[in-house]
Amino acid sequence: MERLWAPWRMEYILKCRQPGCFLCDAFQSEADREHLIIKRSAACALIMNRYPYNNGHLMVVPYRHVDSVEDLRPEEQADMMALAATACARLREVVHAQGFNMGINQGVAAGAGLKDHIHLHIVPRWEGDTNFMPVLADVKVIPQPLLELWEQLHNAFC
């Protein structure tokens, strides 16, 4: 079996075991670039996924720490969808996305890696974006550094 070394993943593995919520910590900070927060709105924020499925993978996250959509207040639900719609429009402009996978993994049984703080994933897609790497090597190639894309997206929201 061939091995692909990904030492940067160790940061993710270790952070998963730390107490607290990294999203709540990010929202309490003013260092938006460091925490990859693109846009703050009334009830939610748009944040980049530090371990993206695809280039431009974003998450819409309520500030309030809740674990299910049933617990979201109507204003949080509305803000989440409005921010998601704006994010899709900006991703079409900045990374030329042709489509999107959007979803919420609610609960461990549904595949939630972060089960305690609900969030909506927005994953940009392009025709033919599944190439030989994920199919044959089970590896996803992300072509752009996160902070470079953060700058582009942050500027698109200003």
C-alpha atoms as a PDB file:
ATOM      1  CA  MET A   1       0.000   0.000   0.000  1.00  0.00           C
ATOM      2  CA  GLU A   2       1.277   3.459  -0.908  1.00  0.00           C
ATOM      3  CA  ARG A   3       1.276   6.156   1.763  1.00  0.00           C
ATOM      4  CA  LEU A   4       0.569   9.824   1.336  1.00  0.00           C
ATOM      5  CA  TRP A   5       2.034  11.769   4.238  1.00  0.00           C
ATOM      6  CA  ALA A   6      -0.204  14.576   5.474  1.00  0.00           C
ATOM      7  CA  PRO A   7       1.424  15.894   8.660  1.00  0.00           C
ATOM      8  CA  TRP A   8      -0.814  18.988   8.649  1.00  0.00           C
ATOM      9  CA  ARG A   9      -3.737  16.669   9.591  1.00  0.00           C
ATOM     10  CA  MET A  10      -2.175  16.171  13.053  1.00  0.00           C
ATOM     11  CA  GLU A  11      -3.276  19.700  14.012  1.00  0.00           C
ATOM     12  CA  TYR A  12      -6.875  18.686  13.232  1.00  0.00           C
ATOM     13  CA  ILE A  13      -6.615  15.402  15.114  1.00  0.00           C
ATOM     14  CA  LEU A  14      -5.229  17.068  18.238  1.00  0.00           C
ATOM     15  CA  LYS A  15      -7.707  19.954  18.161  1.00  0.00           C
ATOM     16  CA  CYS A  16     -10.601  17.494  18.049  1.00  0.00           C
ATOM     17  CA  ARG A  17      -9.609  16.289  21.494  1.00  0.00           C
ATOM     18  CA  GLN A  18      -9.342  19.726  23.088  1.00  0.00           C
ATOM     19  CA  PRO A  19     -12.198  20.854  25.340  1.00  0.00           C
ATOM     20  CA  GLY A  20     -14.529  23.623  24.240  1.00  0.00           C
ATOM     21  CA  CYS A  21     -15.833  24.651  20.846  1.00  0.00           C
ATOM     22  CA  PHE A  22     -13.462  26.050  18.242  1.00  0.00           C
ATOM     23  CA  LEU A  23     -16.365  27.867  16.550  1.00  0.00           C
ATOM     24  CA  CYS A  24     -17.441  29.636  19.742  1.00  0.00           C
ATOM     25  CA  ASP A  25     -13.784  30.512  20.392  1.00  0.00           C
ATOM     26  CA  ALA A  26     -13.487  31.959  16.877  1.00  0.00           C
ATOM     27  CA  PHE A  27     -16.619  34.090  17.276  1.00  0.00           C
ATOM     28  CA  GLN A  28     -15.370  35.529  20.579  1.00  0.00           C
ATOM     29  CA  SER A  29     -12.127  36.593  18.915  1.00  0.00           C
ATOM     30  CA  GLU A  30     -11.658  39.617  16.693  1.00  0.00           C
ATOM     31  CA  ALA A  31      -8.980  37.842  14.622  1.00  0.00           C
ATOM     32  CA  ASP A  32     -11.247  36.947  11.694  1.00  0.00           C
ATOM     33  CA  ARG A  33      -8.394  36.171   9.294  1.00  0.00           C
ATOM     34  CA  GLU A  34      -6.745  33.806  11.782  1.00  0.00           C
ATOM     35  CA  HIS A  35     -10.052  31.992  12.315  1.00  0.00           C
ATOM     36  CA  LEU A  36     -10.965  32.144   8.601  1.00  0.00           C
ATOM     37  CA  ILE A  37     -14.198  34.067   9.272  1.00  0.00           C
ATOM     38  CA  ILE A  38     -15.276  35.655   5.999  1.00  0.00           C
ATOM     39  CA  LYS A  39     -18.422  37.500   7.057  1.00  0.00           C
ATOM     40  CA  ARG A  40     -20.288  38.161  10.279  1.00  0.00           C
ATOM     41  CA  SER A  41     -24.009  38.818  10.044  1.00  0.00           C
ATOM     42  CA  ALA A  42     -26.718  39.348  12.667  1.00  0.00           C
ATOM     43  CA  ALA A  43     -27.091  35.770  13.944  1.00  0.00           C
ATOM     44  CA  CYS A  44     -24.540  33.715  11.969  1.00  0.00           C
ATOM     45  CA  ALA A  45     -21.086  33.871  10.475  1.00  0.00           C
ATOM     46  CA  LEU A  46     -19.600  32.521   7.271  1.00  0.00           C
ATOM     47  CA  ILE A  47     -16.369  30.658   7.936  1.00  0.00           C
ATOM     48  CA  MET A  48     -13.962  28.685   5.747  1.00  0.00           C
ATOM     49  CA  ASN A  49     -13.522  25.008   6.489  1.00  0.00           C
ATOM     50  CA  ARG A  50      -9.901  24.564   7.567  1.00  0.00           C
ATOM     51  CA  TYR A  51      -9.964  20.992   6.188  1.00  0.00           C
ATOM     52  CA  PRO A  52     -12.003  21.486   2.997  1.00  0.00           C
ATOM     53  CA  TYR A  53     -13.630  18.860   0.816  1.00  0.00           C
ATOM     54  CA  ASN A  54     -13.122  21.211  -2.139  1.00  0.00           C
ATOM     55  CA  ASN A  55     -11.563  24.619  -2.765  1.00  0.00           C
ATOM     56  CA  GLY A  56     -13.930  27.247  -1.334  1.00  0.00           C
ATOM     57  CA  HIS A  57     -15.652  24.916   1.164  1.00  0.00           C
ATOM     58  CA  LEU A  58     -17.503  27.238   3.553  1.00  0.00           C
ATOM     59  CA  MET A  59     -19.738  26.809   6.572  1.00  0.00           C
ATOM     60  CA  VAL A  60     -22.593  28.991   7.795  1.00  0.00           C
ATOM     61  CA  VAL A  61     -22.627  28.812  11.579  1.00  0.00           C
ATOM     62  CA  PRO A  62     -24.963  30.392  14.142  1.00  0.00           C
ATOM     63  CA  TYR A  63     -23.185  32.265  16.922  1.00  0.00           C
ATOM     64  CA  ARG A  64     -25.345  30.500  19.476  1.00  0.00           C
ATOM     65  CA  HIS A  65     -24.038  27.070  20.458  1.00  0.00           C
ATOM     66  CA  VAL A  66     -26.882  24.694  19.535  1.00  0.00           C
ATOM     67  CA  ASP A  67     -26.713  21.148  18.190  1.00  0.00           C
ATOM     68  CA  SER A  68     -29.816  20.886  15.993  1.00  0.00           C
ATOM     69  CA  VAL A  69     -31.842  22.819  13.450  1.00  0.00           C
ATOM     70  CA  GLU A  70     -34.889  22.344  15.692  1.00  0.00           C
ATOM     71  CA  ASP A  71     -33.187  24.501  18.319  1.00  0.00           C
ATOM     72  CA  LEU A  72     -32.455  27.375  15.945  1.00  0.00           C
ATOM     73  CA  ARG A  73     -34.571  30.476  16.426  1.00  0.00           C
ATOM     74  CA  PRO A  74     -36.486  31.742  13.375  1.00  0.00           C
ATOM     75  CA  GLU A  75     -34.095  34.689  12.979  1.00  0.00           C
ATOM     76  CA  GLU A  76     -31.114  32.296  13.040  1.00  0.00           C
ATOM     77  CA  GLN A  77     -32.737  30.074  10.421  1.00  0.00           C
ATOM     78  CA  ALA A  78     -33.443  33.069   8.171  1.00  0.00           C
ATOM     79  CA  ASP A  79     -29.953  34.504   8.620  1.00  0.00           C
ATOM     80  CA  MET A  80     -28.373  31.118   7.905  1.00  0.00           C
ATOM     81  CA  MET A  81     -30.181  30.790   4.561  1.00  0.00           C
ATOM     82  CA  ALA A  82     -29.614  34.421   3.559  1.00  0.00           C
ATOM     83  CA  LEU A  83     -25.896  34.093   4.274  1.00  0.00           C
ATOM     84  CA  ALA A  84     -25.771  30.790   2.372  1.00  0.00           C
ATOM     85  CA  ALA A  85     -27.395  32.404  -0.676  1.00  0.00           C
ATOM     86  CA  THR A  86     -24.921  35.291  -0.607  1.00  0.00           C
ATOM     87  CA  ALA A  87     -22.028  32.856  -0.160  1.00  0.00           C
ATOM     88  CA  CYS A  88     -23.083  30.903  -3.252  1.00  0.00           C
ATOM     89  CA  ALA A  89     -23.258  34.095  -5.305  1.00  0.00           C
ATOM     90  CA  ARG A  90     -19.778  35.173  -4.159  1.00  0.00           C
ATOM     91  CA  LEU A  91     -18.324  31.705  -4.767  1.00  0.00           C
ATOM     92  CA  ARG A  92     -19.669  31.823  -8.327  1.00  0.00           C
ATOM     93  CA  GLU A  93     -17.783  35.115  -8.805  1.00  0.00           C
ATOM     94  CA  VAL A  94     -14.535  34.297  -6.985  1.00  0.00           C
ATOM     95  CA  VAL A  95     -13.885  30.597  -7.720  1.00  0.00           C
ATOM     96  CA  HIS A  96     -16.296  30.271 -10.668  1.00  0.00           C
ATOM     97  CA  ALA A  97     -18.305  27.506  -8.992  1.00  0.00           C
ATOM     98  CA  GLN A  98     -20.805  25.840 -11.304  1.00  0.00           C
ATOM     99  CA  GLY A  99     -22.835  24.160  -8.572  1.00  0.00           C
ATOM    100  CA  PHE A 100     -22.909  23.407  -4.863  1.00  0.00           C
ATOM    101  CA  ASN A 101     -23.399  20.586  -2.422  1.00  0.00           C
ATOM    102  CA  MET A 102     -25.040  22.021   0.680  1.00  0.00           C
ATOM    103  CA  GLY A 103     -25.969  20.196   3.823  1.00  0.00           C
ATOM    104  CA  ILE A 104     -26.064  19.736   7.558  1.00  0.00           C
ATOM    105  CA  ASN A 105     -24.764  16.621   9.288  1.00  0.00           C
ATOM    106  CA  GLN A 106     -26.821  16.658  12.462  1.00  0.00           C
ATOM    107  CA  GLY A 107     -25.660  14.134  15.058  1.00  0.00           C
ATOM    108  CA  VAL A 108     -22.911  11.532  15.084  1.00  0.00           C
ATOM    109  CA  ALA A 109     -25.146   8.989  13.316  1.00  0.00           C
ATOM    110  CA  ALA A 110     -25.424  11.442  10.396  1.00  0.00           C
ATOM    111  CA  GLY A 111     -21.664  11.877  10.149  1.00  0.00           C
ATOM    112  CA  ALA A 112     -21.224  15.082  12.138  1.00  0.00           C
ATOM    113  CA  GLY A 113     -17.573  15.555  13.025  1.00  0.00           C
ATOM    114  CA  LEU A 114     -18.592  18.472  15.211  1.00  0.00           C
ATOM    115  CA  LYS A 115     -21.832  17.270  16.763  1.00  0.00           C
ATOM    116  CA  ASP A 116     -22.471  20.041  19.300  1.00  0.00           C
ATOM    117  CA  HIS A 117     -22.498  23.200  17.135  1.00  0.00           C
ATOM    118  CA  ILE A 118     -24.797  22.996  14.105  1.00  0.00           C
ATOM    119  CA  HIS A 119     -23.411  24.328  10.814  1.00  0.00           C
ATOM    120  CA  LEU A 120     -24.372  24.315   7.147  1.00  0.00           C
ATOM    121  CA  HIS A 121     -21.697  23.152   4.701  1.00  0.00           C
ATOM    122  CA  ILE A 122     -21.397  24.829   1.291  1.00  0.00           C
ATOM    123  CA  VAL A 123     -19.106  22.887  -1.042  1.00  0.00           C
ATOM    124  CA  PRO A 124     -18.471  24.415  -4.487  1.00  0.00           C
ATOM    125  CA  ARG A 125     -18.518  22.020  -7.439  1.00  0.00           C
ATOM    126  CA  TRP A 126     -17.420  22.122 -11.076  1.00  0.00           C
ATOM    127  CA  GLU A 127     -18.269  19.838 -13.955  1.00  0.00           C
ATOM    128  CA  GLY A 128     -15.676  17.085 -14.042  1.00  0.00           C
ATOM    129  CA  ASP A 129     -14.143  18.029 -10.673  1.00  0.00           C
ATOM    130  CA  THR A 130     -13.787  14.391  -9.664  1.00  0.00           C
ATOM    131  CA  ASN A 131     -10.547  13.283 -11.258  1.00  0.00           C
ATOM    132  CA  PHE A 132      -8.257  10.316 -10.809  1.00  0.00           C
ATOM    133  CA  MET A 133      -6.876  11.455  -7.410  1.00  0.00           C
ATOM    134  CA  PRO A 134     -10.016  10.896  -5.296  1.00  0.00           C
ATOM    135  CA  VAL A 135     -11.177   7.973  -7.420  1.00  0.00           C
ATOM    136  CA  LEU A 136      -7.930   5.974  -7.546  1.00  0.00           C
ATOM    137  CA  ALA A 137      -5.862   7.341  -4.664  1.00  0.00           C
ATOM    138  CA  ASP A 138      -8.620   8.407  -2.251  1.00  0.00           C
ATOM    139  CA  VAL A 139      -6.885  11.806  -2.083  1.00  0.00           C
ATOM    140  CA  LYS A 140      -8.404  15.242  -2.668  1.00  0.00           C
ATOM    141  CA  VAL A 141      -6.177  17.962  -4.101  1.00  0.00           C
ATOM    142  CA  ILE A 142      -6.985  21.509  -2.943  1.00  0.00           C
ATOM    143  CA  PRO A 143      -5.327  23.883  -5.431  1.00  0.00           C
ATOM    144  CA  GLN A 144      -5.235  27.127  -3.439  1.00  0.00           C
ATOM    145  CA  PRO A 145      -3.810  28.135  -0.045  1.00  0.00           C
ATOM    146  CA  LEU A 146      -6.557  28.883   2.510  1.00  0.00           C
ATOM    147  CA  LEU A 147      -5.390  32.395   3.414  1.00  0.00           C
ATOM    148  CA  GLU A 148      -5.080  33.373  -0.255  1.00  0.00           C
ATOM    149  CA  LEU A 149      -8.693  32.327  -0.826  1.00  0.00           C
ATOM    150  CA  TRP A 150      -9.745  33.988   2.466  1.00  0.00           C
ATOM    151  CA  GLU A 151      -8.405  37.308   1.127  1.00  0.00           C
ATOM    152  CA  GLN A 152     -10.339  36.927  -2.124  1.00  0.00           C
ATOM    153  CA  LEU A 153     -13.603  35.961  -0.434  1.00  0.00           C
ATOM    154  CA  HIS A 154     -13.274  38.556   2.322  1.00  0.00           C
ATOM    155  CA  ASN A 155     -12.768  41.254  -0.321  1.00  0.00           C
ATOM    156  CA  ALA A 156     -15.799  39.993  -2.247  1.00  0.00           C
ATOM    157  CA  PHE A 157     -17.981  40.516   0.840  1.00  0.00           C
ATOM    158  CA  CYS A 158     -16.703  44.041   1.563  1.00  0.00           C
END
